[in-house]
Amino acid sequence: MTLKILVPPVVEPISLTEVKAWLRLDHAFEDALILQLIETARLHAEKLTRHAFITQTIEQIALANVRTGLIDLGEKPLQSIQSVAKLNQDGTEQTLDTGAYIVDLDGARIRPINGHFSGSYRIVYIAGYGDLATDISAPLKTAILLLVAWLFEHRDGDAGALPREAQSLLSNYVAVRL
């Protein structure tokens, strides 16, 4: 499975002002660095949880499950499917009609109406909790703040393990497939 962000989030889950208050900084000398660390922390937290925090459009190349025929999507929460295309062995693509599959928003997967999905597919979908920073839960925001603070303090390369508190907060959001 490969994921590519086609349309990134338009805002970050936490603002520069929130981070500067968390870090107790009252100067603007390192604002550019802090903005970079906010994005880095969000991307890392999204990767660990397999969740898109702010609405974004994602393209995924995925194999259908050989036993179930389902296609599991890499990011939750799923908002909608834009397109599904079967990738043929000759390099061509065949876009599927929306009536050929059922979208399971809660499970972040696509189920075939008739038959069985097999092979590779290109899926373009929208995932995320919402368009605004206020759509993100407090534990996720706190985890990102902890990650930003850790990155800020360990920018000289003397990094150890990520803060346990951030890992613990993020563990409640990890998407597990059975």
N, C-alpha and C. Protein backbone atom coordinates (compact mmCIF):
# COMPACT_ATOMS: atom_id res chain seq x y z
N MET A 1 0.84 -1.17 0.00
CA MET A 1 0.00 0.00 0.00
C MET A 1 0.89 1.24 0.00
N THR A 2 0.62 2.14 -0.91
CA THR A 2 1.32 3.42 -0.93
C THR A 2 0.31 4.54 -0.83
N LEU A 3 0.64 5.53 -0.01
CA LEU A 3 -0.22 6.69 0.18
C LEU A 3 0.48 7.93 -0.32
N LYS A 4 -0.30 8.81 -0.92
CA LYS A 4 0.21 10.09 -1.38
C LYS A 4 -0.83 11.15 -1.04
N ILE A 5 -0.39 12.21 -0.39
CA ILE A 5 -1.30 13.31 -0.06
C ILE A 5 -1.44 14.19 -1.31
N LEU A 6 -2.65 14.25 -1.84
CA LEU A 6 -2.91 15.08 -3.02
C LEU A 6 -3.25 16.51 -2.62
N VAL A 7 -4.06 16.65 -1.58
CA VAL A 7 -4.42 17.96 -1.06
C VAL A 7 -4.16 17.93 0.44
N PRO A 8 -3.10 18.63 0.89
CA PRO A 8 -2.76 18.60 2.32
C PRO A 8 -3.76 19.41 3.13
N PRO A 9 -3.71 19.26 4.45
CA PRO A 9 -4.59 20.07 5.31
C PRO A 9 -4.31 21.56 5.11
N VAL A 10 -5.33 22.37 5.24
CA VAL A 10 -5.15 23.81 5.08
C VAL A 10 -4.74 24.50 6.37
N VAL A 11 -4.91 23.81 7.50
CA VAL A 11 -4.47 24.32 8.80
C VAL A 11 -3.81 23.18 9.56
N GLU A 12 -3.08 23.54 10.60
CA GLU A 12 -2.51 22.54 11.50
C GLU A 12 -3.42 22.41 12.72
N PRO A 13 -3.39 21.27 13.40
CA PRO A 13 -4.26 21.07 14.57
C PRO A 13 -3.94 22.01 15.74
N ILE A 14 -2.71 22.51 15.79
CA ILE A 14 -2.33 23.47 16.82
C ILE A 14 -1.66 24.66 16.16
N SER A 15 -1.78 25.80 16.78
CA SER A 15 -1.26 27.03 16.19
C SER A 15 0.11 27.38 16.77
N LEU A 16 0.78 28.29 16.09
CA LEU A 16 2.06 28.81 16.58
C LEU A 16 1.87 29.43 17.96
N THR A 17 0.79 30.15 18.16
CA THR A 17 0.51 30.79 19.45
C THR A 17 0.36 29.75 20.55
N GLU A 18 -0.35 28.65 20.27
CA GLU A 18 -0.51 27.59 21.27
C GLU A 18 0.83 26.95 21.64
N VAL A 19 1.66 26.71 20.64
CA VAL A 19 2.95 26.09 20.91
C VAL A 19 3.86 27.04 21.70
N LYS A 20 3.87 28.30 21.32
CA LYS A 20 4.71 29.26 22.04
C LYS A 20 4.27 29.39 23.49
N ALA A 21 2.98 29.33 23.74
CA ALA A 21 2.49 29.36 25.13
C ALA A 21 2.92 28.09 25.87
N TRP A 22 2.83 26.94 25.20
CA TRP A 22 3.23 25.66 25.79
C TRP A 22 4.72 25.66 26.13
N LEU A 23 5.52 26.21 25.22
CA LEU A 23 6.98 26.26 25.42
C LEU A 23 7.41 27.46 26.28
N ARG A 24 6.47 28.33 26.59
CA ARG A 24 6.74 29.56 27.35
C ARG A 24 7.76 30.45 26.63
N LEU A 25 7.55 30.62 25.33
CA LEU A 25 8.41 31.49 24.53
C LEU A 25 7.67 32.79 24.26
N ASP A 26 8.37 33.89 24.38
CA ASP A 26 7.73 35.18 24.10
C ASP A 26 8.47 35.98 23.04
N HIS A 27 9.27 35.30 22.24
CA HIS A 27 9.99 35.97 21.15
C HIS A 27 9.63 35.28 19.82
N ALA A 28 10.00 35.95 18.75
CA ALA A 28 9.67 35.43 17.42
C ALA A 28 10.88 34.86 16.69
N PHE A 29 12.02 34.76 17.37
CA PHE A 29 13.25 34.32 16.72
C PHE A 29 13.13 32.94 16.07
N GLU A 30 12.36 32.06 16.69
CA GLU A 30 12.31 30.68 16.22
C GLU A 30 10.94 30.28 15.68
N ASP A 31 10.15 31.25 15.26
CA ASP A 31 8.82 30.96 14.75
C ASP A 31 8.84 30.03 13.55
N ALA A 32 9.76 30.23 12.62
CA ALA A 32 9.83 29.38 11.43
C ALA A 32 10.14 27.93 11.83
N LEU A 33 11.06 27.77 12.76
CA LEU A 33 11.40 26.43 13.25
C LEU A 33 10.19 25.78 13.91
N ILE A 34 9.50 26.53 14.74
CA ILE A 34 8.35 25.98 15.45
C ILE A 34 7.25 25.56 14.47
N LEU A 35 7.01 26.37 13.44
CA LEU A 35 6.01 25.99 12.43
C LEU A 35 6.40 24.68 11.74
N GLN A 36 7.67 24.52 11.44
CA GLN A 36 8.17 23.28 10.83
C GLN A 36 7.98 22.11 11.80
N LEU A 37 8.25 22.32 13.07
CA LEU A 37 8.10 21.25 14.07
C LEU A 37 6.64 20.86 14.27
N ILE A 38 5.73 21.82 14.15
CA ILE A 38 4.30 21.51 14.25
C ILE A 38 3.90 20.54 13.15
N GLU A 39 4.31 20.84 11.92
CA GLU A 39 3.97 19.95 10.80
C GLU A 39 4.63 18.58 10.98
N THR A 40 5.89 18.58 11.38
CA THR A 40 6.60 17.32 11.59
C THR A 40 5.92 16.47 12.66
N ALA A 41 5.54 17.09 13.76
CA ALA A 41 4.87 16.37 14.85
C ALA A 41 3.53 15.82 14.39
N ARG A 42 2.76 16.63 13.64
CA ARG A 42 1.46 16.14 13.14
C ARG A 42 1.65 14.96 12.22
N LEU A 43 2.59 15.08 11.28
CA LEU A 43 2.82 13.97 10.34
C LEU A 43 3.24 12.70 11.07
N HIS A 44 4.08 12.85 12.07
CA HIS A 44 4.51 11.67 12.84
C HIS A 44 3.33 11.06 13.60
N ALA A 45 2.53 11.89 14.22
CA ALA A 45 1.37 11.40 14.97
C ALA A 45 0.35 10.74 14.03
N GLU A 46 0.16 11.32 12.84
CA GLU A 46 -0.75 10.71 11.86
C GLU A 46 -0.23 9.35 11.41
N LYS A 47 1.07 9.26 11.21
CA LYS A 47 1.65 7.98 10.79
C LYS A 47 1.48 6.91 11.87
N LEU A 48 1.73 7.28 13.12
CA LEU A 48 1.60 6.32 14.22
C LEU A 48 0.16 5.83 14.40
N THR A 49 -0.80 6.73 14.23
CA THR A 49 -2.20 6.39 14.48
C THR A 49 -2.95 5.91 13.24
N ARG A 50 -2.39 6.17 12.07
CA ARG A 50 -3.09 5.90 10.80
C ARG A 50 -4.39 6.70 10.74
N HIS A 51 -4.32 7.92 11.25
CA HIS A 51 -5.44 8.85 11.21
C HIS A 51 -4.98 10.14 10.54
N ALA A 52 -5.86 10.70 9.72
CA ALA A 52 -5.65 12.05 9.19
C ALA A 52 -6.37 12.97 10.16
N PHE A 53 -5.66 13.95 10.71
CA PHE A 53 -6.28 14.80 11.71
C PHE A 53 -7.15 15.88 11.09
N ILE A 54 -6.61 16.63 10.16
CA ILE A 54 -7.35 17.68 9.45
C ILE A 54 -7.67 17.15 8.06
N THR A 55 -8.83 17.53 7.52
CA THR A 55 -9.28 17.05 6.21
C THR A 55 -8.17 17.17 5.16
N GLN A 56 -7.96 16.06 4.44
CA GLN A 56 -6.97 16.01 3.37
C GLN A 56 -7.41 14.99 2.33
N THR A 57 -6.98 15.20 1.10
CA THR A 57 -7.28 14.27 0.02
C THR A 57 -6.08 13.37 -0.19
N ILE A 58 -6.34 12.06 -0.22
CA ILE A 58 -5.29 11.05 -0.26
C ILE A 58 -5.50 10.14 -1.46
N GLU A 59 -4.39 9.80 -2.10
CA GLU A 59 -4.41 8.78 -3.14
C GLU A 59 -3.69 7.55 -2.59
N GLN A 60 -4.32 6.40 -2.74
CA GLN A 60 -3.74 5.17 -2.22
C GLN A 60 -3.76 4.10 -3.31
N ILE A 61 -2.64 3.44 -3.46
CA ILE A 61 -2.57 2.25 -4.30
C ILE A 61 -2.63 1.07 -3.34
N ALA A 62 -3.62 0.21 -3.53
CA ALA A 62 -3.83 -0.89 -2.57
C ALA A 62 -4.20 -2.17 -3.28
N LEU A 63 -3.84 -3.26 -2.64
CA LEU A 63 -4.26 -4.58 -3.09
C LEU A 63 -5.53 -4.96 -2.36
N ALA A 64 -6.45 -5.58 -3.08
CA ALA A 64 -7.64 -6.10 -2.43
C ALA A 64 -7.23 -7.31 -1.60
N ASN A 65 -7.88 -7.49 -0.47
CA ASN A 65 -7.63 -8.65 0.38
C ASN A 65 -8.02 -9.91 -0.38
N VAL A 66 -7.10 -10.86 -0.51
CA VAL A 66 -7.37 -12.06 -1.32
C VAL A 66 -8.45 -12.94 -0.71
N ARG A 67 -8.62 -12.91 0.60
CA ARG A 67 -9.65 -13.74 1.23
C ARG A 67 -11.02 -13.09 1.21
N THR A 68 -11.07 -11.78 1.50
CA THR A 68 -12.37 -11.11 1.66
C THR A 68 -12.78 -10.28 0.45
N GLY A 69 -11.81 -9.89 -0.36
CA GLY A 69 -12.11 -9.01 -1.49
C GLY A 69 -12.26 -7.56 -1.08
N LEU A 70 -12.06 -7.25 0.20
CA LEU A 70 -12.18 -5.87 0.68
C LEU A 70 -10.92 -5.08 0.40
N ILE A 71 -11.06 -3.77 0.29
CA ILE A 71 -9.93 -2.87 0.19
C ILE A 71 -9.92 -2.00 1.44
N ASP A 72 -8.89 -2.17 2.25
CA ASP A 72 -8.72 -1.36 3.45
C ASP A 72 -7.97 -0.09 3.09
N LEU A 73 -8.47 1.03 3.59
CA LEU A 73 -7.83 2.31 3.33
C LEU A 73 -6.87 2.64 4.46
N GLY A 74 -5.81 3.34 4.14
CA GLY A 74 -4.73 3.57 5.08
C GLY A 74 -4.99 4.62 6.13
N GLU A 75 -5.92 5.51 5.93
CA GLU A 75 -6.16 6.60 6.87
C GLU A 75 -7.62 6.65 7.30
N LYS A 76 -7.81 6.92 8.57
CA LYS A 76 -9.13 7.14 9.15
C LYS A 76 -9.15 8.57 9.67
N PRO A 77 -10.23 9.14 10.03
CA PRO A 77 -11.58 8.74 9.69
C PRO A 77 -11.90 9.07 8.23
N LEU A 78 -12.55 8.16 7.59
CA LEU A 78 -12.90 8.30 6.19
C LEU A 78 -14.13 9.21 6.06
N GLN A 79 -14.01 10.22 5.21
CA GLN A 79 -15.14 11.12 4.96
C GLN A 79 -15.89 10.71 3.69
N SER A 80 -15.14 10.45 2.62
CA SER A 80 -15.78 10.08 1.36
C SER A 80 -14.76 9.50 0.39
N ILE A 81 -15.28 8.80 -0.61
CA ILE A 81 -14.46 8.26 -1.69
C ILE A 81 -14.67 9.14 -2.92
N GLN A 82 -13.57 9.57 -3.52
CA GLN A 82 -13.66 10.38 -4.74
C GLN A 82 -13.69 9.50 -5.99
N SER A 83 -12.81 8.48 -6.00
CA SER A 83 -12.78 7.58 -7.16
C SER A 83 -12.08 6.28 -6.79
N VAL A 84 -12.44 5.23 -7.52
CA VAL A 84 -11.80 3.92 -7.39
C VAL A 84 -11.52 3.43 -8.80
N ALA A 85 -10.27 3.08 -9.06
CA ALA A 85 -9.88 2.60 -10.38
C ALA A 85 -9.10 1.29 -10.25
N LYS A 86 -9.48 0.31 -11.05
CA LYS A 86 -8.76 -0.98 -11.11
C LYS A 86 -7.52 -0.76 -11.95
N LEU A 87 -6.36 -1.19 -11.43
CA LEU A 87 -5.11 -1.09 -12.17
C LEU A 87 -4.88 -2.41 -12.89
N ASN A 88 -4.93 -2.37 -14.19
CA ASN A 88 -4.77 -3.58 -14.99
C ASN A 88 -3.30 -3.90 -15.20
N GLN A 89 -3.00 -5.16 -15.48
CA GLN A 89 -1.61 -5.59 -15.66
C GLN A 89 -0.94 -4.95 -16.86
N ASP A 90 -1.72 -4.50 -17.83
CA ASP A 90 -1.14 -3.85 -19.02
C ASP A 90 -0.85 -2.37 -18.79
N GLY A 91 -1.08 -1.88 -17.55
CA GLY A 91 -0.78 -0.49 -17.22
C GLY A 91 -1.97 0.45 -17.37
N THR A 92 -3.07 -0.04 -17.86
CA THR A 92 -4.25 0.80 -18.00
C THR A 92 -5.06 0.79 -16.71
N GLU A 93 -5.96 1.75 -16.60
CA GLU A 93 -6.84 1.85 -15.44
C GLU A 93 -8.28 1.83 -15.89
N GLN A 94 -9.12 1.21 -15.07
CA GLN A 94 -10.55 1.18 -15.35
C GLN A 94 -11.27 1.75 -14.13
N THR A 95 -11.86 2.95 -14.28
CA THR A 95 -12.57 3.58 -13.18
C THR A 95 -13.87 2.83 -12.92
N LEU A 96 -14.10 2.50 -11.66
CA LEU A 96 -15.30 1.76 -11.28
C LEU A 96 -16.46 2.71 -11.06
N ASP A 97 -17.63 2.29 -11.45
CA ASP A 97 -18.85 3.02 -11.18
C ASP A 97 -19.10 3.00 -9.67
N THR A 98 -19.65 4.07 -9.12
CA THR A 98 -19.91 4.12 -7.68
C THR A 98 -20.90 3.04 -7.23
N GLY A 99 -21.65 2.50 -8.15
CA GLY A 99 -22.59 1.42 -7.81
C GLY A 99 -21.93 0.06 -7.69
N ALA A 100 -20.62 -0.02 -7.96
CA ALA A 100 -19.91 -1.31 -7.90
C ALA A 100 -19.39 -1.63 -6.51
N TYR A 101 -19.49 -0.68 -5.59
CA TYR A 101 -18.94 -0.91 -4.26
C TYR A 101 -19.74 -0.14 -3.20
N ILE A 102 -19.59 -0.59 -1.98
CA ILE A 102 -20.18 0.07 -0.82
C ILE A 102 -19.05 0.66 0.00
N VAL A 103 -19.20 1.88 0.43
CA VAL A 103 -18.19 2.54 1.25
C VAL A 103 -18.56 2.33 2.72
N ASP A 104 -17.64 1.73 3.47
CA ASP A 104 -17.79 1.54 4.91
C ASP A 104 -16.99 2.66 5.58
N LEU A 105 -17.68 3.76 5.91
CA LEU A 105 -17.01 4.91 6.51
C LEU A 105 -16.37 4.57 7.85
N ASP A 106 -17.08 3.84 8.70
CA ASP A 106 -16.57 3.50 10.03
C ASP A 106 -15.35 2.59 9.95
N GLY A 107 -15.35 1.64 9.05
CA GLY A 107 -14.25 0.70 8.91
C GLY A 107 -13.16 1.18 7.97
N ALA A 108 -13.39 2.30 7.29
CA ALA A 108 -12.46 2.84 6.30
C ALA A 108 -12.06 1.77 5.29
N ARG A 109 -13.09 1.21 4.65
CA ARG A 109 -12.84 0.19 3.63
C ARG A 109 -13.92 0.23 2.57
N ILE A 110 -13.64 -0.43 1.48
CA ILE A 110 -14.57 -0.52 0.37
C ILE A 110 -14.95 -1.99 0.20
N ARG A 111 -16.25 -2.22 0.09
CA ARG A 111 -16.77 -3.58 -0.10
C ARG A 111 -17.40 -3.70 -1.50
N PRO A 112 -17.09 -4.75 -2.24
CA PRO A 112 -17.72 -4.91 -3.56
C PRO A 112 -19.20 -5.26 -3.40
N ILE A 113 -20.02 -4.76 -4.31
CA ILE A 113 -21.45 -5.09 -4.30
C ILE A 113 -21.64 -6.54 -4.75
N ASN A 114 -21.06 -6.86 -5.87
CA ASN A 114 -21.15 -8.22 -6.42
C ASN A 114 -19.75 -8.77 -6.63
N GLY A 115 -19.59 -10.01 -6.30
CA GLY A 115 -18.30 -10.64 -6.57
C GLY A 115 -17.25 -10.30 -5.55
N HIS A 116 -16.04 -10.10 -6.06
CA HIS A 116 -14.86 -10.06 -5.20
C HIS A 116 -13.86 -9.11 -5.84
N PHE A 117 -13.37 -8.12 -5.11
CA PHE A 117 -12.28 -7.29 -5.62
C PHE A 117 -11.02 -8.16 -5.65
N SER A 118 -10.24 -8.01 -6.68
CA SER A 118 -8.94 -8.69 -6.73
C SER A 118 -7.96 -7.80 -7.48
N GLY A 119 -6.68 -7.92 -7.13
CA GLY A 119 -5.66 -7.13 -7.79
C GLY A 119 -5.45 -5.79 -7.12
N SER A 120 -4.90 -4.85 -7.89
CA SER A 120 -4.53 -3.53 -7.38
C SER A 120 -5.54 -2.46 -7.79
N TYR A 121 -5.67 -1.46 -6.92
CA TYR A 121 -6.61 -0.37 -7.15
C TYR A 121 -5.98 0.95 -6.75
N ARG A 122 -6.38 2.01 -7.46
CA ARG A 122 -6.02 3.38 -7.10
C ARG A 122 -7.29 4.02 -6.54
N ILE A 123 -7.23 4.40 -5.27
CA ILE A 123 -8.37 5.00 -4.61
C ILE A 123 -8.01 6.42 -4.20
N VAL A 124 -8.87 7.35 -4.52
CA VAL A 124 -8.70 8.73 -4.08
C VAL A 124 -9.84 9.00 -3.10
N TYR A 125 -9.46 9.43 -1.89
CA TYR A 125 -10.47 9.63 -0.86
C TYR A 125 -10.13 10.82 0.04
N ILE A 126 -11.13 11.24 0.78
CA ILE A 126 -10.97 12.35 1.72
C ILE A 126 -11.07 11.77 3.13
N ALA A 127 -10.08 12.11 3.96
CA ALA A 127 -10.05 11.63 5.33
C ALA A 127 -9.74 12.79 6.26
N GLY A 128 -10.12 12.64 7.52
CA GLY A 128 -9.83 13.64 8.53
C GLY A 128 -11.01 13.86 9.44
N TYR A 129 -10.74 14.42 10.60
CA TYR A 129 -11.79 14.71 11.57
C TYR A 129 -12.61 15.93 11.16
N GLY A 130 -12.04 16.82 10.38
CA GLY A 130 -12.74 18.02 9.95
C GLY A 130 -11.77 19.03 9.38
N ASP A 131 -12.30 20.16 8.96
CA ASP A 131 -11.50 21.19 8.30
C ASP A 131 -10.79 22.13 9.27
N LEU A 132 -11.21 22.14 10.52
CA LEU A 132 -10.72 23.13 11.48
C LEU A 132 -9.92 22.48 12.61
N ALA A 133 -9.05 23.26 13.20
CA ALA A 133 -8.29 22.77 14.35
C ALA A 133 -9.21 22.41 15.50
N THR A 134 -10.36 23.07 15.58
CA THR A 134 -11.31 22.78 16.66
C THR A 134 -11.99 21.41 16.50
N ASP A 135 -11.81 20.77 15.35
CA ASP A 135 -12.38 19.44 15.12
C ASP A 135 -11.52 18.32 15.72
N ILE A 136 -10.34 18.67 16.19
CA ILE A 136 -9.39 17.70 16.74
C ILE A 136 -9.59 17.59 18.25
N SER A 137 -9.53 16.37 18.78
CA SER A 137 -9.73 16.16 20.22
C SER A 137 -8.55 16.71 21.02
N ALA A 138 -8.83 17.03 22.27
CA ALA A 138 -7.79 17.56 23.17
C ALA A 138 -6.62 16.59 23.36
N PRO A 139 -6.86 15.28 23.51
CA PRO A 139 -5.71 14.38 23.66
C PRO A 139 -4.77 14.39 22.46
N LEU A 140 -5.31 14.47 21.25
CA LEU A 140 -4.46 14.53 20.06
C LEU A 140 -3.67 15.83 20.03
N LYS A 141 -4.31 16.93 20.37
CA LYS A 141 -3.61 18.22 20.42
C LYS A 141 -2.49 18.19 21.46
N THR A 142 -2.78 17.63 22.62
CA THR A 142 -1.77 17.55 23.67
C THR A 142 -0.60 16.68 23.23
N ALA A 143 -0.89 15.58 22.57
CA ALA A 143 0.19 14.71 22.06
C ALA A 143 1.07 15.46 21.07
N ILE A 144 0.47 16.25 20.20
CA ILE A 144 1.25 17.02 19.23
C ILE A 144 2.08 18.08 19.96
N LEU A 145 1.51 18.74 20.95
CA LEU A 145 2.26 19.71 21.74
C LEU A 145 3.47 19.05 22.42
N LEU A 146 3.26 17.88 22.98
CA LEU A 146 4.36 17.15 23.62
C LEU A 146 5.44 16.78 22.60
N LEU A 147 5.03 16.36 21.41
CA LEU A 147 6.00 16.01 20.36
C LEU A 147 6.77 17.25 19.90
N VAL A 148 6.07 18.36 19.72
CA VAL A 148 6.74 19.59 19.30
C VAL A 148 7.76 20.01 20.36
N ALA A 149 7.36 19.97 21.62
CA ALA A 149 8.29 20.35 22.70
C ALA A 149 9.51 19.43 22.72
N TRP A 150 9.28 18.15 22.52
CA TRP A 150 10.38 17.18 22.50
C TRP A 150 11.32 17.46 21.33
N LEU A 151 10.75 17.69 20.15
CA LEU A 151 11.56 18.00 18.97
C LEU A 151 12.34 19.31 19.17
N PHE A 152 11.68 20.29 19.78
CA PHE A 152 12.32 21.58 20.04
C PHE A 152 13.52 21.40 20.98
N GLU A 153 13.35 20.61 22.00
CA GLU A 153 14.42 20.40 22.99
C GLU A 153 15.54 19.51 22.47
N HIS A 154 15.25 18.64 21.51
CA HIS A 154 16.23 17.67 21.01
C HIS A 154 16.66 17.97 19.57
N ARG A 155 16.65 19.21 19.20
CA ARG A 155 16.99 19.57 17.82
C ARG A 155 18.47 19.45 17.51
N ASP A 156 19.28 19.24 18.51
CA ASP A 156 20.72 19.09 18.29
C ASP A 156 21.12 17.65 18.00
N GLY A 157 20.16 16.77 17.89
CA GLY A 157 20.46 15.38 17.53
C GLY A 157 20.71 14.48 18.71
N ASP A 158 20.49 14.94 19.93
CA ASP A 158 20.71 14.11 21.10
C ASP A 158 19.41 13.41 21.53
N ALA A 159 18.64 13.01 20.56
CA ALA A 159 17.31 12.48 20.83
C ALA A 159 17.36 11.04 21.34
N GLY A 160 16.46 10.76 22.24
CA GLY A 160 16.22 9.41 22.71
C GLY A 160 14.83 9.00 22.24
N ALA A 161 14.16 8.23 23.06
CA ALA A 161 12.81 7.80 22.74
C ALA A 161 11.84 8.98 22.82
N LEU A 162 10.78 8.89 22.03
CA LEU A 162 9.73 9.91 22.09
C LEU A 162 9.11 9.92 23.49
N PRO A 163 8.55 11.04 23.89
CA PRO A 163 7.95 11.12 25.22
C PRO A 163 6.85 10.08 25.41
N ARG A 164 6.94 9.38 26.53
CA ARG A 164 5.96 8.33 26.83
C ARG A 164 4.54 8.88 26.92
N GLU A 165 4.41 10.08 27.42
CA GLU A 165 3.08 10.70 27.55
C GLU A 165 2.43 10.87 26.18
N ALA A 166 3.21 11.31 25.19
CA ALA A 166 2.67 11.48 23.83
C ALA A 166 2.30 10.13 23.24
N GLN A 167 3.17 9.14 23.41
CA GLN A 167 2.88 7.80 22.90
C GLN A 167 1.61 7.23 23.53
N SER A 168 1.44 7.46 24.82
CA SER A 168 0.26 6.97 25.52
C SER A 168 -1.01 7.64 24.99
N LEU A 169 -0.97 8.95 24.81
CA LEU A 169 -2.14 9.65 24.28
C LEU A 169 -2.48 9.17 22.87
N LEU A 170 -1.46 8.97 22.03
CA LEU A 170 -1.69 8.55 20.65
C LEU A 170 -2.16 7.10 20.57
N SER A 171 -1.76 6.26 21.53
CA SER A 171 -2.11 4.84 21.48
C SER A 171 -3.62 4.62 21.51
N ASN A 172 -4.35 5.55 22.07
CA ASN A 172 -5.82 5.43 22.09
C ASN A 172 -6.45 5.60 20.72
N TYR A 173 -5.68 6.09 19.75
CA TYR A 173 -6.20 6.36 18.42
C TYR A 173 -5.63 5.42 17.35
N VAL A 174 -4.76 4.51 17.75
CA VAL A 174 -4.13 3.62 16.78
C VAL A 174 -5.20 2.75 16.13
N ALA A 175 -5.21 2.74 14.81
CA ALA A 175 -6.16 1.93 14.06
C ALA A 175 -5.62 0.51 13.97
N VAL A 176 -6.38 -0.43 14.49
CA VAL A 176 -5.98 -1.83 14.49
C VAL A 176 -6.91 -2.61 13.58
N ARG A 177 -6.33 -3.42 12.72
CA ARG A 177 -7.11 -4.29 11.83
C ARG A 177 -7.00 -5.71 12.33
N LEU A 178 -8.12 -6.39 12.40
CA LEU A 178 -8.14 -7.80 12.80
C LEU A 178 -8.25 -8.69 11.60
